[in-house]
Amino acid sequence: MTISLKDRVKNSLLSQYSMLFANKDVPSEAEIKAAIERVLNEIALNDKQVIAELEKEAIVNSLIEEIIGLGPLRELLKDAS
């Protein structure tokens, strides 16, 4: 069974940055995004893999939604209409 790139990023993020998420102060969205991007770039570099910008953006946004907790509803709540 192959683990998806998103799941690899999530697993690595949780192991490397567990203190960021365990801290009493909730990390900002920018801090979360930076951590995800760092892990994603590390995995790409280690695997000598080129990841398209659209795929990177999709993975980062999806993981931010999972971490923040509203998931796909967050974008709907942002909509002013």
Protein backbone atom coordinates (compact mmCIF):
# COMPACT_ATOMS: atom_id res chain seq x y z
CA MET A 1 0.00 0.00 0.00
CA THR A 2 1.39 3.38 -1.00
CA ILE A 3 1.01 6.32 1.34
CA SER A 4 -0.15 9.49 -0.42
CA LEU A 5 2.11 12.52 -0.45
CA LYS A 6 -0.43 14.41 1.67
CA ASP A 7 -0.42 11.65 4.31
CA ARG A 8 3.38 11.57 4.32
CA VAL A 9 3.46 15.33 4.89
CA LYS A 10 0.85 15.04 7.65
CA ASN A 11 2.72 12.23 9.43
CA SER A 12 6.04 14.04 9.21
CA LEU A 13 4.46 17.31 10.30
CA LEU A 14 2.97 15.70 13.37
CA SER A 15 6.23 14.06 14.37
CA GLN A 16 8.48 17.07 13.67
CA TYR A 17 6.21 19.83 14.90
CA SER A 18 4.24 18.19 17.68
CA MET A 19 5.45 20.86 20.12
CA LEU A 20 4.08 23.59 17.84
CA PHE A 21 0.63 22.05 18.11
CA ALA A 22 0.91 20.98 21.75
CA ASN A 23 1.78 24.47 22.95
CA LYS A 24 -0.93 26.32 24.89
CA ASP A 25 -0.77 29.18 22.37
CA VAL A 26 -2.53 28.23 19.17
CA PRO A 27 -0.16 28.65 16.22
CA SER A 28 -1.24 31.13 13.58
CA GLU A 29 -2.34 30.02 10.15
CA ALA A 30 0.91 31.48 8.78
CA GLU A 31 2.99 29.35 11.20
CA ILE A 32 1.03 26.24 10.26
CA LYS A 33 1.41 26.99 6.55
CA ALA A 34 5.16 27.56 6.91
CA ALA A 35 5.59 24.27 8.78
CA ILE A 36 3.62 22.35 6.13
CA GLU A 37 5.61 23.94 3.32
CA ARG A 38 8.92 23.10 5.03
CA VAL A 39 7.93 19.45 5.44
CA LEU A 40 6.61 19.22 1.88
CA ASN A 41 9.84 20.69 0.49
CA GLU A 42 11.95 18.32 2.63
CA ILE A 43 10.04 15.30 1.32
CA ALA A 44 10.37 16.51 -2.28
CA LEU A 45 14.09 17.09 -1.83
CA ASN A 46 14.69 13.73 -0.14
CA ASP A 47 12.70 11.89 -2.82
CA LYS A 48 14.28 13.96 -5.61
CA GLN A 49 10.73 14.61 -6.72
CA VAL A 50 9.37 17.67 -8.49
CA ILE A 51 5.94 18.64 -7.19
CA ALA A 52 3.80 20.95 -9.28
CA GLU A 53 2.89 24.25 -7.63
CA LEU A 54 -0.83 23.47 -7.96
CA GLU A 55 -0.33 20.15 -6.17
CA LYS A 56 1.72 21.82 -3.43
CA GLU A 57 -0.94 24.47 -2.97
CA ALA A 58 -3.70 21.85 -2.82
CA ILE A 59 -1.83 19.80 -0.19
CA VAL A 60 -0.98 22.85 1.91
CA ASN A 61 -4.54 24.19 1.81
CA SER A 62 -6.06 20.80 2.56
CA LEU A 63 -3.81 20.24 5.58
CA ILE A 64 -4.44 23.75 6.88
CA GLU A 65 -8.17 23.03 6.71
CA GLU A 66 -7.71 19.75 8.59
CA ILE A 67 -5.54 21.32 11.28
CA ILE A 68 -7.65 24.40 11.83
CA GLY A 69 -10.68 22.18 12.13
CA LEU A 70 -13.39 23.50 9.83
CA GLY A 71 -12.29 21.49 6.85
CA PRO A 72 -14.03 22.36 3.58
CA LEU A 73 -16.62 24.48 5.42
CA ARG A 74 -14.01 27.17 6.07
CA GLU A 75 -14.05 28.41 2.47
CA LEU A 76 -17.84 28.56 2.50
CA LEU A 77 -17.79 30.60 5.70
CA LYS A 78 -15.35 33.07 4.13
CA ASP A 79 -17.77 33.72 1.24
CA ALA A 80 -19.42 37.12 1.77
CA SER A 81 -22.48 36.37 -0.40
